[in-house]
C-alpha atoms as a PDB file:
ATOM      1  CA  MET A   1       0.764  -1.273  13.447  1.00  0.00           C
ATOM      2  CA  CYS A   2       1.241   1.373  10.447  1.00  0.00           C
ATOM      3  CA  LYS A   3       4.790   2.595   9.438  1.00  0.00           C
ATOM      4  CA  VAL A   4       3.848   5.666   6.838  1.00  0.00           C
ATOM      5  CA  GLU A   5       7.795   5.812   6.715  1.00  0.00           C
ATOM      6  CA  SER A   6       8.872   2.716   5.910  1.00  0.00           C
ATOM      7  CA  LYS A   7       8.919   0.715   2.180  1.00  0.00           C
ATOM      8  CA  LYS A   8       8.644   4.613   0.789  1.00  0.00           C
ATOM      9  CA  GLY A   9       4.937   5.555   2.256  1.00  0.00           C
ATOM     10  CA  CYS A  10       3.993   1.724   2.908  1.00  0.00           C
ATOM     11  CA  GLU A  11       0.772   1.469   5.344  1.00  0.00           C
ATOM     12  CA  HIS A  12       1.777  -2.403   5.629  1.00  0.00           C
ATOM     13  CA  PRO A  13       5.140  -2.681   4.949  1.00  0.00           C
ATOM     14  CA  GLU A  14       5.191  -6.541   5.884  1.00  0.00           C
ATOM     15  CA  LYS A  15       2.711  -7.509   3.046  1.00  0.00           C
ATOM     16  CA  LEU A  16       4.490  -5.300   0.199  1.00  0.00           C
ATOM     17  CA  LYS A  17       6.096  -7.525  -2.026  1.00  0.00           C
ATOM     18  CA  GLY A  18       7.895  -5.124  -4.420  1.00  0.00           C
ATOM     19  CA  LYS A  19       6.384  -1.651  -3.933  1.00  0.00           C
ATOM     20  CA  PRO A  20       3.446  -0.049  -3.187  1.00  0.00           C
ATOM     21  CA  GLU A  21       2.767   1.596  -6.747  1.00  0.00           C
ATOM     22  CA  GLU A  22       3.589  -2.612  -8.308  1.00  0.00           C
ATOM     23  CA  CYS A  23       0.050  -3.934  -5.693  1.00  0.00           C
ATOM     24  CA  THR A  24      -2.127  -6.105  -7.861  1.00  0.00           C
ATOM     25  CA  THR A  25      -5.663  -4.537  -6.516  1.00  0.00           C
ATOM     26  CA  GLU A  26      -5.924  -8.413  -4.811  1.00  0.00           C
ATOM     27  CA  GLN A  27      -3.320  -7.073  -2.138  1.00  0.00           C
ATOM     28  CA  ILE A  28      -4.658  -3.084  -2.016  1.00  0.00           C
ATOM     29  CA  ARG A  29      -7.977  -4.872  -1.378  1.00  0.00           C
ATOM     30  CA  GLU A  30      -6.515  -7.150   1.603  1.00  0.00           C
ATOM     31  CA  CYS A  31      -4.879  -4.297   3.238  1.00  0.00           C
ATOM     32  CA  HIS A  32      -7.139  -1.144   2.739  1.00  0.00           C
ATOM     33  CA  SER A  33     -10.636  -3.452   2.171  1.00  0.00           C
ATOM     34  CA  GLU A  34     -12.259  -1.465  -1.190  1.00  0.00           C
ATOM     35  CA  VAL A  35     -10.885   1.605  -2.007  1.00  0.00           C
ATOM     36  CA  VAL A  36     -11.098   3.480  -5.471  1.00  0.00           C
ATOM     37  CA  GLU A  37      -7.198   4.725  -5.413  1.00  0.00           C
ATOM     38  CA  HIS A  38      -3.833   3.582  -3.348  1.00  0.00           C
ATOM     39  CA  PRO A  39      -3.720   5.346  -0.067  1.00  0.00           C
ATOM     40  CA  CYS A  40      -0.336   4.023  -0.084  1.00  0.00           C
ATOM     41  CA  VAL A  41       1.072   5.591  -3.237  1.00  0.00           C
ATOM     42  CA  LYS A  42       1.541   9.657  -3.180  1.00  0.00           C
ATOM     43  CA  GLN A  43      -0.506  11.451  -5.820  1.00  0.00           C
ATOM     44  CA  GLU A  44       1.948  14.902  -6.880  1.00  0.00           C
END
């Protein structure tokens, strides 16, 4: 049920409380398990 288009590319917009860039390490772990970088934040 991921919607990459919504909430500026967030994979779990229903759990998002602000912007994907503002997610805490705990929030990232809850949504994506153990990852090195937050996949919802686009790297430019």
